[in-house]
Amino acid sequence: MKRITVLLADDHTIVREGFRKMLEQESDLEVVGEAQDGRQAVAMAKKLCPAVVLMDIAMPLLNGLEATRQLVKELPATKVLILSAHSDDAYVQNATESGAVGFLLKQACAHDVCRAIREVQKGNTFFSAPVARRQARLNPALPTRSGALQKKTAHLTSREMEVLQLIAEGKANKETAGLLGIGMKTVEKHREHLMQKLDIHDTAGLTRYAISAGIIESSVQVTIV
């Protein structure tokens, strides 16, 4: 029997270890790699071509949403299952619009995780029960909290999304340039374009936007005014 290959992407070692042990109990599932940030997840997926990627949203350097966008473009046969401790509508909407075919809460039981992997590998979608119930009740005619944010975010390029996350993480232009392998002037140009497209003109504003759009997480609730 051919096993379903899985790549784990989460910045917490203990979480990856827990999922690995869980999946190793299943004869038809095989963990082929572990990534600790979105950039590493994309690189490893290109090398390993897993059937399914279990992708955390909040990861350093490149978040799970942008990593998913890049993966579905580069590897359309690989299915992405988003992992998150949060289940609010903005996170779910951003995940599906990024190309994920499922959304799992981290507190999901082992049975649901394994079932989700099998379902998406077959071409189906899978959402944790609480998420699925709430999504079914949503009225698509009503605006969601993430509606305006998502409209703006959709106009950002992948590179601009990467720069936005690094800005929000407090990286200076020089460090951002080194991480992305581009010049300082290019970083400055991306920063200018971000501010123009989002109509936000300071670093604090870009950081608040990144948090509200689910690009990074924060323990502090930030409200965009």
N, C-alpha and C. Protein backbone atom coordinates (compact mmCIF):
# COMPACT_ATOMS: atom_id res chain seq x y z
N MET A 1 0.83 -1.19 0.00
CA MET A 1 0.00 0.00 0.00
C MET A 1 0.88 1.25 0.00
N LYS A 2 0.60 2.15 -0.93
CA LYS A 2 1.36 3.39 -1.00
C LYS A 2 0.91 4.33 0.10
N ARG A 3 1.86 4.82 0.87
CA ARG A 3 1.53 5.69 1.99
C ARG A 3 1.39 7.14 1.55
N ILE A 4 0.58 7.89 2.29
CA ILE A 4 0.38 9.32 2.03
C ILE A 4 1.52 10.08 2.70
N THR A 5 2.30 10.79 1.93
CA THR A 5 3.44 11.52 2.48
C THR A 5 3.00 12.87 3.03
N VAL A 6 3.54 13.23 4.20
CA VAL A 6 3.12 14.44 4.90
C VAL A 6 4.33 15.26 5.33
N LEU A 7 4.26 16.57 5.11
CA LEU A 7 5.26 17.50 5.60
C LEU A 7 4.64 18.31 6.73
N LEU A 8 5.33 18.39 7.87
CA LEU A 8 4.85 19.16 9.02
C LEU A 8 5.54 20.52 9.05
N ALA A 9 4.75 21.59 9.16
CA ALA A 9 5.32 22.94 9.22
C ALA A 9 4.75 23.68 10.43
N ASP A 10 5.58 23.86 11.45
CA ASP A 10 5.18 24.55 12.67
C ASP A 10 6.45 25.03 13.36
N ASP A 11 6.42 26.22 13.93
CA ASP A 11 7.64 26.76 14.54
C ASP A 11 7.88 26.24 15.95
N HIS A 12 6.96 25.42 16.48
CA HIS A 12 7.15 24.84 17.81
C HIS A 12 7.55 23.37 17.69
N THR A 13 8.73 23.05 18.16
CA THR A 13 9.24 21.68 18.06
C THR A 13 8.31 20.68 18.73
N ILE A 14 7.78 21.04 19.90
CA ILE A 14 6.92 20.11 20.63
C ILE A 14 5.64 19.79 19.85
N VAL A 15 5.14 20.77 19.10
CA VAL A 15 3.95 20.52 18.28
C VAL A 15 4.27 19.57 17.14
N ARG A 16 5.40 19.80 16.47
CA ARG A 16 5.79 18.91 15.38
C ARG A 16 6.02 17.49 15.88
N GLU A 17 6.66 17.37 17.05
CA GLU A 17 6.91 16.04 17.61
C GLU A 17 5.60 15.34 17.93
N GLY A 18 4.63 16.09 18.45
CA GLY A 18 3.34 15.50 18.78
C GLY A 18 2.62 14.99 17.55
N PHE A 19 2.62 15.78 16.48
CA PHE A 19 1.97 15.35 15.24
C PHE A 19 2.71 14.17 14.62
N ARG A 20 4.05 14.19 14.68
CA ARG A 20 4.82 13.08 14.10
C ARG A 20 4.48 11.77 14.81
N LYS A 21 4.46 11.78 16.13
CA LYS A 21 4.15 10.57 16.89
C LYS A 21 2.74 10.09 16.59
N MET A 22 1.83 11.04 16.44
CA MET A 22 0.44 10.71 16.12
C MET A 22 0.35 10.01 14.77
N LEU A 23 1.00 10.59 13.77
CA LEU A 23 0.90 10.06 12.41
C LEU A 23 1.68 8.76 12.22
N GLU A 24 2.74 8.58 13.01
CA GLU A 24 3.53 7.35 12.91
C GLU A 24 2.75 6.12 13.34
N GLN A 25 1.63 6.32 14.03
CA GLN A 25 0.80 5.20 14.45
C GLN A 25 -0.06 4.66 13.31
N GLU A 26 -0.14 5.42 12.21
CA GLU A 26 -0.99 5.05 11.08
C GLU A 26 -0.16 4.42 9.96
N SER A 27 -0.55 3.24 9.53
CA SER A 27 0.23 2.50 8.54
C SER A 27 0.22 3.13 7.15
N ASP A 28 -0.79 3.98 6.88
CA ASP A 28 -0.90 4.56 5.54
C ASP A 28 -0.39 6.00 5.46
N LEU A 29 0.17 6.51 6.59
CA LEU A 29 0.68 7.88 6.61
C LEU A 29 2.17 7.89 6.91
N GLU A 30 2.90 8.79 6.26
CA GLU A 30 4.35 8.86 6.45
C GLU A 30 4.80 10.32 6.51
N VAL A 31 5.44 10.71 7.61
CA VAL A 31 6.00 12.05 7.75
C VAL A 31 7.36 12.06 7.06
N VAL A 32 7.49 12.90 6.03
CA VAL A 32 8.74 12.91 5.25
C VAL A 32 9.64 14.09 5.59
N GLY A 33 9.13 15.04 6.39
CA GLY A 33 9.96 16.18 6.75
C GLY A 33 9.27 17.10 7.73
N GLU A 34 10.07 17.98 8.37
CA GLU A 34 9.56 18.96 9.32
C GLU A 34 10.19 20.31 9.01
N ALA A 35 9.38 21.36 8.98
CA ALA A 35 9.86 22.72 8.74
C ALA A 35 9.47 23.60 9.91
N GLN A 36 10.33 24.55 10.26
CA GLN A 36 10.05 25.41 11.42
C GLN A 36 9.64 26.83 11.04
N ASP A 37 9.59 27.13 9.75
CA ASP A 37 9.05 28.41 9.30
C ASP A 37 8.53 28.25 7.88
N GLY A 38 7.77 29.24 7.41
CA GLY A 38 7.16 29.13 6.11
C GLY A 38 8.13 29.03 4.96
N ARG A 39 9.23 29.75 5.06
CA ARG A 39 10.24 29.72 4.00
C ARG A 39 10.84 28.32 3.87
N GLN A 40 11.14 27.71 5.01
CA GLN A 40 11.68 26.36 5.00
C GLN A 40 10.64 25.36 4.49
N ALA A 41 9.38 25.60 4.82
CA ALA A 41 8.31 24.71 4.37
C ALA A 41 8.21 24.69 2.85
N VAL A 42 8.29 25.86 2.24
CA VAL A 42 8.22 25.95 0.77
C VAL A 42 9.40 25.23 0.14
N ALA A 43 10.60 25.47 0.67
CA ALA A 43 11.81 24.85 0.12
C ALA A 43 11.76 23.33 0.25
N MET A 44 11.33 22.84 1.43
CA MET A 44 11.28 21.40 1.64
C MET A 44 10.19 20.75 0.79
N ALA A 45 9.07 21.43 0.63
CA ALA A 45 7.99 20.87 -0.18
C ALA A 45 8.43 20.73 -1.64
N LYS A 46 9.16 21.71 -2.15
CA LYS A 46 9.65 21.64 -3.52
C LYS A 46 10.60 20.45 -3.70
N LYS A 47 11.36 20.15 -2.65
CA LYS A 47 12.32 19.05 -2.71
C LYS A 47 11.65 17.70 -2.51
N LEU A 48 10.70 17.61 -1.57
CA LEU A 48 10.11 16.33 -1.18
C LEU A 48 8.79 16.01 -1.89
N CYS A 49 8.11 17.04 -2.41
CA CYS A 49 6.81 16.87 -3.08
C CYS A 49 5.84 16.01 -2.26
N PRO A 50 5.54 16.41 -1.04
CA PRO A 50 4.62 15.62 -0.21
C PRO A 50 3.20 15.69 -0.75
N ALA A 51 2.41 14.71 -0.41
CA ALA A 51 1.01 14.72 -0.83
C ALA A 51 0.24 15.78 -0.06
N VAL A 52 0.58 15.94 1.23
CA VAL A 52 -0.13 16.87 2.11
C VAL A 52 0.87 17.63 2.98
N VAL A 53 0.60 18.92 3.18
CA VAL A 53 1.37 19.73 4.12
C VAL A 53 0.46 20.18 5.24
N LEU A 54 0.83 19.87 6.48
CA LEU A 54 0.14 20.40 7.65
C LEU A 54 0.82 21.72 7.99
N MET A 55 0.17 22.84 7.77
CA MET A 55 0.79 24.16 7.80
C MET A 55 0.23 25.05 8.90
N ASP A 56 1.09 25.42 9.85
CA ASP A 56 0.70 26.38 10.86
C ASP A 56 0.57 27.76 10.21
N ILE A 57 -0.27 28.63 10.75
CA ILE A 57 -0.40 29.98 10.20
C ILE A 57 0.71 30.89 10.70
N ALA A 58 0.87 30.97 12.01
CA ALA A 58 1.79 31.94 12.60
C ALA A 58 3.19 31.35 12.71
N MET A 59 4.03 31.66 11.72
CA MET A 59 5.42 31.22 11.74
C MET A 59 6.31 32.39 11.36
N PRO A 60 7.54 32.41 11.87
CA PRO A 60 8.44 33.53 11.56
C PRO A 60 8.93 33.50 10.12
N LEU A 61 9.44 34.65 9.68
CA LEU A 61 10.04 34.86 8.35
C LEU A 61 9.02 34.80 7.21
N LEU A 62 8.21 33.75 7.18
CA LEU A 62 7.15 33.64 6.18
C LEU A 62 5.99 32.90 6.83
N ASN A 63 4.84 33.56 6.92
CA ASN A 63 3.70 32.93 7.60
C ASN A 63 3.08 31.84 6.74
N GLY A 64 2.24 31.03 7.37
CA GLY A 64 1.65 29.89 6.67
C GLY A 64 0.74 30.24 5.53
N LEU A 65 0.09 31.40 5.59
CA LEU A 65 -0.80 31.81 4.51
C LEU A 65 -0.03 32.11 3.24
N GLU A 66 1.04 32.89 3.36
CA GLU A 66 1.83 33.22 2.17
C GLU A 66 2.59 31.98 1.68
N ALA A 67 3.05 31.14 2.61
CA ALA A 67 3.71 29.89 2.21
C ALA A 67 2.73 29.03 1.42
N THR A 68 1.47 29.01 1.85
CA THR A 68 0.45 28.24 1.12
C THR A 68 0.25 28.79 -0.28
N ARG A 69 0.16 30.12 -0.42
CA ARG A 69 0.00 30.73 -1.75
C ARG A 69 1.12 30.29 -2.68
N GLN A 70 2.34 30.32 -2.16
CA GLN A 70 3.49 29.95 -2.99
C GLN A 70 3.47 28.47 -3.33
N LEU A 71 3.08 27.65 -2.36
CA LEU A 71 3.07 26.20 -2.58
C LEU A 71 2.04 25.77 -3.62
N VAL A 72 0.82 26.30 -3.52
CA VAL A 72 -0.21 25.86 -4.46
C VAL A 72 0.11 26.32 -5.88
N LYS A 73 0.89 27.39 -5.99
CA LYS A 73 1.30 27.85 -7.30
C LYS A 73 2.41 26.97 -7.87
N GLU A 74 3.36 26.60 -7.01
CA GLU A 74 4.52 25.81 -7.44
C GLU A 74 4.20 24.31 -7.50
N LEU A 75 3.39 23.83 -6.57
CA LEU A 75 3.10 22.40 -6.47
C LEU A 75 1.59 22.18 -6.38
N PRO A 76 0.88 22.33 -7.47
CA PRO A 76 -0.59 22.21 -7.43
C PRO A 76 -1.10 20.85 -6.96
N ALA A 77 -0.27 19.80 -7.07
CA ALA A 77 -0.71 18.48 -6.64
C ALA A 77 -0.64 18.30 -5.12
N THR A 78 0.14 19.15 -4.45
CA THR A 78 0.26 19.07 -2.99
C THR A 78 -0.90 19.80 -2.33
N LYS A 79 -1.53 19.13 -1.36
CA LYS A 79 -2.67 19.71 -0.66
C LYS A 79 -2.20 20.31 0.67
N VAL A 80 -2.73 21.49 0.99
CA VAL A 80 -2.34 22.16 2.23
C VAL A 80 -3.49 22.18 3.22
N LEU A 81 -3.21 21.67 4.41
CA LEU A 81 -4.14 21.71 5.54
C LEU A 81 -3.61 22.73 6.54
N ILE A 82 -4.38 23.78 6.78
CA ILE A 82 -3.94 24.80 7.73
C ILE A 82 -4.19 24.34 9.17
N LEU A 83 -3.20 24.60 10.02
CA LEU A 83 -3.31 24.33 11.46
C LEU A 83 -3.35 25.66 12.19
N SER A 84 -4.25 25.79 13.14
CA SER A 84 -4.30 27.03 13.91
C SER A 84 -4.96 26.80 15.25
N ALA A 85 -4.54 27.60 16.22
CA ALA A 85 -5.21 27.57 17.52
C ALA A 85 -6.42 28.49 17.50
N HIS A 86 -6.55 29.29 16.43
CA HIS A 86 -7.64 30.25 16.30
C HIS A 86 -8.60 29.82 15.20
N SER A 87 -9.88 30.04 15.44
CA SER A 87 -10.87 29.59 14.46
C SER A 87 -11.79 30.72 14.00
N ASP A 88 -11.40 31.97 14.24
CA ASP A 88 -12.28 33.07 13.84
C ASP A 88 -12.40 33.13 12.32
N ASP A 89 -13.46 33.75 11.86
CA ASP A 89 -13.79 33.74 10.44
C ASP A 89 -12.70 34.34 9.56
N ALA A 90 -12.00 35.36 10.06
CA ALA A 90 -10.95 36.00 9.27
C ALA A 90 -9.84 35.00 8.94
N TYR A 91 -9.45 34.21 9.92
CA TYR A 91 -8.39 33.22 9.70
C TYR A 91 -8.83 32.18 8.68
N VAL A 92 -10.05 31.70 8.82
CA VAL A 92 -10.54 30.65 7.92
C VAL A 92 -10.67 31.18 6.50
N GLN A 93 -11.21 32.38 6.37
CA GLN A 93 -11.37 32.97 5.04
C GLN A 93 -10.03 33.19 4.37
N ASN A 94 -9.07 33.75 5.12
CA ASN A 94 -7.75 33.98 4.55
C ASN A 94 -7.07 32.68 4.15
N ALA A 95 -7.29 31.63 4.94
CA ALA A 95 -6.68 30.33 4.65
C ALA A 95 -7.22 29.75 3.34
N THR A 96 -8.54 29.77 3.18
CA THR A 96 -9.13 29.20 1.96
C THR A 96 -8.78 30.04 0.74
N GLU A 97 -8.74 31.35 0.90
CA GLU A 97 -8.39 32.21 -0.23
C GLU A 97 -6.91 32.10 -0.59
N SER A 98 -6.11 31.59 0.34
CA SER A 98 -4.70 31.35 0.04
C SER A 98 -4.49 30.04 -0.71
N GLY A 99 -5.52 29.19 -0.75
CA GLY A 99 -5.42 27.94 -1.48
C GLY A 99 -5.46 26.69 -0.62
N ALA A 100 -5.60 26.87 0.70
CA ALA A 100 -5.70 25.70 1.58
C ALA A 100 -7.02 24.97 1.32
N VAL A 101 -7.00 23.65 1.44
CA VAL A 101 -8.20 22.85 1.21
C VAL A 101 -8.82 22.35 2.51
N GLY A 102 -8.25 22.79 3.63
CA GLY A 102 -8.81 22.40 4.91
C GLY A 102 -8.28 23.26 6.03
N PHE A 103 -8.96 23.23 7.16
CA PHE A 103 -8.59 24.05 8.31
C PHE A 103 -8.80 23.22 9.57
N LEU A 104 -7.70 22.90 10.25
CA LEU A 104 -7.74 22.07 11.45
C LEU A 104 -7.38 22.88 12.68
N LEU A 105 -8.16 22.76 13.72
CA LEU A 105 -7.78 23.35 14.99
C LEU A 105 -6.72 22.47 15.65
N LYS A 106 -5.76 23.10 16.31
CA LYS A 106 -4.66 22.34 16.91
C LYS A 106 -5.12 21.41 18.01
N GLN A 107 -6.28 21.70 18.58
CA GLN A 107 -6.80 20.82 19.63
C GLN A 107 -7.61 19.65 19.06
N ALA A 108 -7.57 19.49 17.73
CA ALA A 108 -8.31 18.38 17.11
C ALA A 108 -7.77 17.04 17.59
N CYS A 109 -8.63 16.04 17.67
CA CYS A 109 -8.21 14.71 18.10
C CYS A 109 -7.45 14.02 16.98
N ALA A 110 -6.71 12.99 17.35
CA ALA A 110 -5.89 12.26 16.38
C ALA A 110 -6.72 11.71 15.23
N HIS A 111 -7.91 11.23 15.54
CA HIS A 111 -8.78 10.66 14.51
C HIS A 111 -9.10 11.70 13.44
N ASP A 112 -9.42 12.93 13.87
CA ASP A 112 -9.77 13.99 12.92
C ASP A 112 -8.57 14.41 12.07
N VAL A 113 -7.40 14.48 12.67
CA VAL A 113 -6.20 14.87 11.92
C VAL A 113 -5.92 13.86 10.81
N CYS A 114 -5.94 12.59 11.16
CA CYS A 114 -5.66 11.54 10.18
C CYS A 114 -6.75 11.48 9.11
N ARG A 115 -7.98 11.65 9.54
CA ARG A 115 -9.09 11.66 8.59
C ARG A 115 -8.95 12.83 7.62
N ALA A 116 -8.57 14.00 8.15
CA ALA A 116 -8.41 15.19 7.31
C ALA A 116 -7.35 14.97 6.24
N ILE A 117 -6.24 14.38 6.62
CA ILE A 117 -5.16 14.11 5.67
C ILE A 117 -5.65 13.19 4.56
N ARG A 118 -6.35 12.15 4.94
CA ARG A 118 -6.85 11.20 3.94
C ARG A 118 -7.88 11.85 3.01
N GLU A 119 -8.73 12.69 3.58
CA GLU A 119 -9.78 13.33 2.78
C GLU A 119 -9.20 14.30 1.76
N VAL A 120 -8.28 15.16 2.19
CA VAL A 120 -7.74 16.15 1.24
C VAL A 120 -6.85 15.49 0.20
N GLN A 121 -6.21 14.39 0.59
CA GLN A 121 -5.38 13.68 -0.39
C GLN A 121 -6.25 13.10 -1.51
N LYS A 122 -7.52 12.79 -1.18
CA LYS A 122 -8.44 12.25 -2.18
C LYS A 122 -9.10 13.35 -3.01
N GLY A 123 -8.81 14.60 -2.67
CA GLY A 123 -9.38 15.71 -3.43
C GLY A 123 -10.55 16.40 -2.76
N ASN A 124 -10.84 16.02 -1.52
CA ASN A 124 -11.95 16.62 -0.77
C ASN A 124 -11.43 17.75 0.12
N THR A 125 -12.35 18.47 0.75
CA THR A 125 -11.97 19.48 1.73
C THR A 125 -12.28 18.94 3.12
N PHE A 126 -11.67 19.57 4.14
CA PHE A 126 -11.93 19.13 5.51
C PHE A 126 -11.75 20.31 6.45
N PHE A 127 -12.76 20.53 7.31
CA PHE A 127 -12.70 21.58 8.32
C PHE A 127 -13.07 20.97 9.67
N SER A 128 -12.36 21.36 10.71
CA SER A 128 -12.71 20.92 12.06
C SER A 128 -14.18 21.25 12.31
N ALA A 129 -14.88 20.40 13.06
CA ALA A 129 -16.33 20.53 13.24
C ALA A 129 -16.78 21.92 13.67
N PRO A 130 -16.14 22.55 14.67
CA PRO A 130 -16.61 23.90 15.07
C PRO A 130 -16.50 24.90 13.92
N VAL A 131 -15.43 24.79 13.13
CA VAL A 131 -15.23 25.70 12.00
C VAL A 131 -16.28 25.43 10.93
N ALA A 132 -16.51 24.16 10.63
CA ALA A 132 -17.48 23.79 9.60
C ALA A 132 -18.88 24.27 9.96
N ARG A 133 -19.24 24.13 11.24
CA ARG A 133 -20.58 24.56 11.66
C ARG A 133 -20.75 26.06 11.50
N ARG A 134 -19.73 26.81 11.90
CA ARG A 134 -19.84 28.26 11.81
C ARG A 134 -19.83 28.74 10.37
N GLN A 135 -19.00 28.11 9.54
CA GLN A 135 -18.97 28.48 8.13
C GLN A 135 -20.31 28.23 7.45
N ALA A 136 -20.97 27.15 7.85
CA ALA A 136 -22.26 26.82 7.26
C ALA A 136 -23.32 27.86 7.61
N ARG A 137 -23.15 28.52 8.77
CA ARG A 137 -24.13 29.51 9.20
C ARG A 137 -23.87 30.90 8.61
N LEU A 138 -22.69 31.08 8.06
CA LEU A 138 -22.33 32.41 7.54
C LEU A 138 -23.23 32.81 6.37
N ASN A 139 -23.63 34.04 6.36
CA ASN A 139 -24.40 34.58 5.24
C ASN A 139 -23.42 35.29 4.31
N PRO A 140 -23.16 34.77 3.11
CA PRO A 140 -22.18 35.37 2.23
C PRO A 140 -22.53 36.78 1.80
N ALA A 141 -23.79 37.19 1.97
CA ALA A 141 -24.19 38.53 1.58
C ALA A 141 -23.73 39.57 2.60
N LEU A 142 -23.38 39.10 3.80
CA LEU A 142 -22.96 40.03 4.85
C LEU A 142 -21.45 40.19 4.83
N PRO A 143 -20.94 41.40 5.05
CA PRO A 143 -19.50 41.60 5.07
C PRO A 143 -18.89 40.93 6.29
N THR A 144 -17.70 40.36 6.14
CA THR A 144 -17.00 39.74 7.27
C THR A 144 -15.96 40.71 7.79
N ARG A 145 -15.45 40.43 8.99
CA ARG A 145 -14.45 41.31 9.60
C ARG A 145 -13.23 41.47 8.71
N SER A 146 -12.91 40.42 7.94
CA SER A 146 -11.70 40.45 7.13
C SER A 146 -11.94 40.95 5.72
N GLY A 147 -13.18 41.30 5.38
CA GLY A 147 -13.50 41.64 4.01
C GLY A 147 -12.65 42.74 3.44
N ALA A 148 -12.62 43.90 4.10
CA ALA A 148 -11.85 45.03 3.58
C ALA A 148 -10.37 44.74 3.58
N LEU A 149 -9.92 44.06 4.64
CA LEU A 149 -8.50 43.72 4.72
C LEU A 149 -8.10 42.79 3.59
N GLN A 150 -8.93 41.77 3.33
CA GLN A 150 -8.60 40.80 2.31
C GLN A 150 -8.56 41.45 0.93
N LYS A 151 -9.44 42.42 0.69
CA LYS A 151 -9.47 43.10 -0.60
C LYS A 151 -8.16 43.81 -0.85
N LYS A 152 -7.63 44.46 0.19
CA LYS A 152 -6.36 45.15 0.05
C LYS A 152 -5.21 44.16 -0.08
N THR A 153 -5.22 43.12 0.76
CA THR A 153 -4.14 42.15 0.76
C THR A 153 -4.02 41.46 -0.59
N ALA A 154 -5.16 41.23 -1.27
CA ALA A 154 -5.15 40.53 -2.54
C ALA A 154 -4.34 41.26 -3.59
N HIS A 155 -4.13 42.57 -3.42
CA HIS A 155 -3.39 43.35 -4.40
C HIS A 155 -1.89 43.38 -4.12
N LEU A 156 -1.47 42.74 -3.04
CA LEU A 156 -0.05 42.69 -2.72
C LEU A 156 0.60 41.49 -3.41
N THR A 157 1.82 41.69 -3.90
CA THR A 157 2.55 40.58 -4.49
C THR A 157 3.12 39.69 -3.38
N SER A 158 3.58 38.50 -3.76
CA SER A 158 4.18 37.60 -2.77
C SER A 158 5.37 38.25 -2.09
N ARG A 159 6.19 38.95 -2.86
CA ARG A 159 7.36 39.61 -2.29
C ARG A 159 6.95 40.71 -1.32
N GLU A 160 5.91 41.46 -1.67
CA GLU A 160 5.44 42.51 -0.78
C GLU A 160 4.88 41.91 0.52
N MET A 161 4.23 40.76 0.41
CA MET A 161 3.73 40.09 1.61
C MET A 161 4.88 39.65 2.51
N GLU A 162 5.96 39.16 1.89
CA GLU A 162 7.14 38.75 2.66
C GLU A 162 7.75 39.95 3.38
N VAL A 163 7.89 41.06 2.66
CA VAL A 163 8.47 42.27 3.24
C VAL A 163 7.57 42.79 4.36
N LEU A 164 6.26 42.76 4.15
CA LEU A 164 5.32 43.22 5.17
C LEU A 164 5.47 42.41 6.45
N GLN A 165 5.58 41.10 6.34
CA GLN A 165 5.73 40.28 7.54
C GLN A 165 7.02 40.61 8.27
N LEU A 166 8.11 40.77 7.53
CA LEU A 166 9.40 41.06 8.18
C LEU A 166 9.39 42.44 8.83
N ILE A 167 8.72 43.40 8.21
CA ILE A 167 8.56 44.72 8.83
C ILE A 167 7.81 44.58 10.15
N ALA A 168 6.70 43.82 10.10
CA ALA A 168 5.86 43.64 11.29
C ALA A 168 6.60 42.89 12.39
N GLU A 169 7.57 42.06 12.01
CA GLU A 169 8.36 41.33 12.99
C GLU A 169 9.51 42.17 13.54
N GLY A 170 9.61 43.42 13.07
CA GLY A 170 10.63 44.32 13.60
C GLY A 170 11.97 44.26 12.91
N LYS A 171 12.03 43.62 11.75
CA LYS A 171 13.30 43.52 11.02
C LYS A 171 13.63 44.85 10.35
N ALA A 172 14.89 45.26 10.44
CA ALA A 172 15.35 46.47 9.77
C ALA A 172 15.53 46.19 8.28
N ASN A 173 15.62 47.24 7.47
CA ASN A 173 15.77 47.06 6.02
C ASN A 173 16.97 46.20 5.66
N LYS A 174 18.08 46.40 6.36
CA LYS A 174 19.30 45.64 6.05
C LYS A 174 19.09 44.15 6.33
N GLU A 175 18.46 43.84 7.45
CA GLU A 175 18.21 42.44 7.80
C GLU A 175 17.21 41.81 6.83
N THR A 176 16.18 42.57 6.47
CA THR A 176 15.20 42.10 5.51
C THR A 176 15.86 41.79 4.17
N ALA A 177 16.74 42.67 3.73
CA ALA A 177 17.44 42.47 2.46
C ALA A 177 18.25 41.18 2.50
N GLY A 178 18.94 40.95 3.64
CA GLY A 178 19.74 39.74 3.77
C GLY A 178 18.91 38.48 3.77
N LEU A 179 17.78 38.51 4.46
CA LEU A 179 16.91 37.34 4.54
C LEU A 179 16.28 36.99 3.19
N LEU A 180 15.96 38.02 2.40
CA LEU A 180 15.30 37.79 1.12
C LEU A 180 16.27 37.71 -0.05
N GLY A 181 17.54 38.02 0.21
CA GLY A 181 18.53 37.97 -0.86
C GLY A 181 18.35 39.05 -1.91
N ILE A 182 17.91 40.24 -1.46
CA ILE A 182 17.71 41.37 -2.37
C ILE A 182 18.45 42.58 -1.82
N GLY A 183 18.54 43.65 -2.61
CA GLY A 183 19.26 44.84 -2.19
C GLY A 183 18.44 45.73 -1.26
N MET A 184 19.15 46.60 -0.54
CA MET A 184 18.49 47.54 0.38
C MET A 184 17.52 48.44 -0.36
N LYS A 185 17.92 48.92 -1.54
CA LYS A 185 17.04 49.81 -2.30
C LYS A 185 15.77 49.10 -2.74
N THR A 186 15.89 47.81 -3.03
CA THR A 186 14.71 47.04 -3.41
C THR A 186 13.75 46.91 -2.24
N VAL A 187 14.30 46.68 -1.05
CA VAL A 187 13.46 46.60 0.15
C VAL A 187 12.74 47.93 0.37
N GLU A 188 13.47 49.02 0.22
CA GLU A 188 12.87 50.34 0.41
C GLU A 188 11.75 50.58 -0.59
N LYS A 189 11.94 50.12 -1.83
CA LYS A 189 10.90 50.26 -2.85
C LYS A 189 9.66 49.46 -2.48
N HIS A 190 9.86 48.23 -2.00
CA HIS A 190 8.74 47.40 -1.57
C HIS A 190 7.99 48.06 -0.41
N ARG A 191 8.73 48.65 0.52
CA ARG A 191 8.11 49.34 1.65
C ARG A 191 7.25 50.51 1.16
N GLU A 192 7.79 51.26 0.20
CA GLU A 192 7.04 52.38 -0.37
C GLU A 192 5.76 51.90 -1.04
N HIS A 193 5.87 50.80 -1.82
CA HIS A 193 4.70 50.27 -2.51
C HIS A 193 3.65 49.78 -1.52
N LEU A 194 4.10 49.15 -0.42
CA LEU A 194 3.17 48.69 0.61
C LEU A 194 2.38 49.86 1.19
N MET A 195 3.09 50.91 1.53
CA MET A 195 2.43 52.06 2.13
C MET A 195 1.45 52.71 1.17
N GLN A 196 1.81 52.75 -0.11
CA GLN A 196 0.92 53.33 -1.11
C GLN A 196 -0.33 52.48 -1.31
N LYS A 197 -0.13 51.17 -1.47
CA LYS A 197 -1.25 50.27 -1.74
C LYS A 197 -2.21 50.19 -0.55
N LEU A 198 -1.66 50.17 0.64
CA LEU A 198 -2.48 50.01 1.84
C LEU A 198 -2.92 51.34 2.43
N ASP A 199 -2.38 52.44 1.90
CA ASP A 199 -2.66 53.78 2.42
C ASP A 199 -2.32 53.84 3.91
N ILE A 200 -1.17 53.27 4.24
CA ILE A 200 -0.63 53.28 5.61
C ILE A 200 0.78 53.84 5.50
N HIS A 201 1.11 54.81 6.35
CA HIS A 201 2.34 55.55 6.11
C HIS A 201 3.34 55.53 7.27
N ASP A 202 3.24 54.52 8.13
CA ASP A 202 4.27 54.36 9.16
C ASP A 202 4.38 52.88 9.52
N THR A 203 5.50 52.54 10.13
CA THR A 203 5.77 51.14 10.47
C THR A 203 4.77 50.58 11.47
N ALA A 204 4.38 51.40 12.44
CA ALA A 204 3.41 50.94 13.44
C ALA A 204 2.08 50.58 12.77
N GLY A 205 1.69 51.38 11.78
CA GLY A 205 0.45 51.10 11.07
C GLY A 205 0.54 49.82 10.26
N LEU A 206 1.68 49.59 9.63
CA LEU A 206 1.86 48.35 8.88
C LEU A 206 1.82 47.15 9.81
N THR A 207 2.39 47.30 11.00
CA THR A 207 2.38 46.21 11.97
C THR A 207 0.96 45.90 12.44
N ARG A 208 0.18 46.95 12.73
CA ARG A 208 -1.21 46.74 13.15
C ARG A 208 -2.00 46.06 12.03
N TYR A 209 -1.74 46.48 10.80
CA TYR A 209 -2.43 45.87 9.66
C TYR A 209 -2.08 44.38 9.57
N ALA A 210 -0.79 44.05 9.70
CA ALA A 210 -0.34 42.66 9.58
C ALA A 210 -1.01 41.79 10.63
N ILE A 211 -1.16 42.31 11.84
CA ILE A 211 -1.81 41.55 12.91
C ILE A 211 -3.29 41.36 12.59
N SER A 212 -3.96 42.42 12.20
CA SER A 212 -5.40 42.35 11.92
C SER A 212 -5.71 41.46 10.71
N ALA A 213 -4.77 41.41 9.76
CA ALA A 213 -4.98 40.58 8.56
C ALA A 213 -4.58 39.13 8.77
N GLY A 214 -4.07 38.80 9.97
CA GLY A 214 -3.68 37.42 10.26
C GLY A 214 -2.33 37.04 9.70
N ILE A 215 -1.53 38.03 9.28
CA ILE A 215 -0.21 37.75 8.72
C ILE A 215 0.76 37.38 9.83
N ILE A 216 0.63 38.04 10.96
CA ILE A 216 1.36 37.65 12.17
C ILE A 216 0.37 37.63 13.32
N GLU A 217 0.76 37.00 14.41
CA GLU A 217 -0.09 36.96 15.59
C GLU A 217 0.47 37.86 16.66
N SER A 218 -0.40 38.28 17.55
CA SER A 218 0.02 39.07 18.69
C SER A 218 -0.85 38.74 19.87
N SER A 219 -0.29 38.75 21.06
CA SER A 219 -1.08 38.50 22.27
C SER A 219 -1.88 39.73 22.65
N VAL A 220 -1.56 40.85 21.98
CA VAL A 220 -2.26 42.10 22.27
C VAL A 220 -3.26 42.37 21.15
N GLN A 221 -4.48 42.64 21.50
CA GLN A 221 -5.51 42.94 20.51
C GLN A 221 -5.28 44.33 19.96
N VAL A 222 -5.08 44.42 18.64
CA VAL A 222 -4.84 45.71 18.03
C VAL A 222 -6.01 46.04 17.12
N THR A 223 -6.50 47.26 17.22
CA THR A 223 -7.62 47.68 16.40
C THR A 223 -7.17 48.74 15.41
N ILE A 224 -7.49 48.52 14.13
CA ILE A 224 -7.15 49.50 13.12
C ILE A 224 -8.24 50.58 13.12
N VAL A 225 -7.82 51.81 13.19
CA VAL A 225 -8.80 52.91 13.21
C VAL A 225 -8.62 53.74 11.96
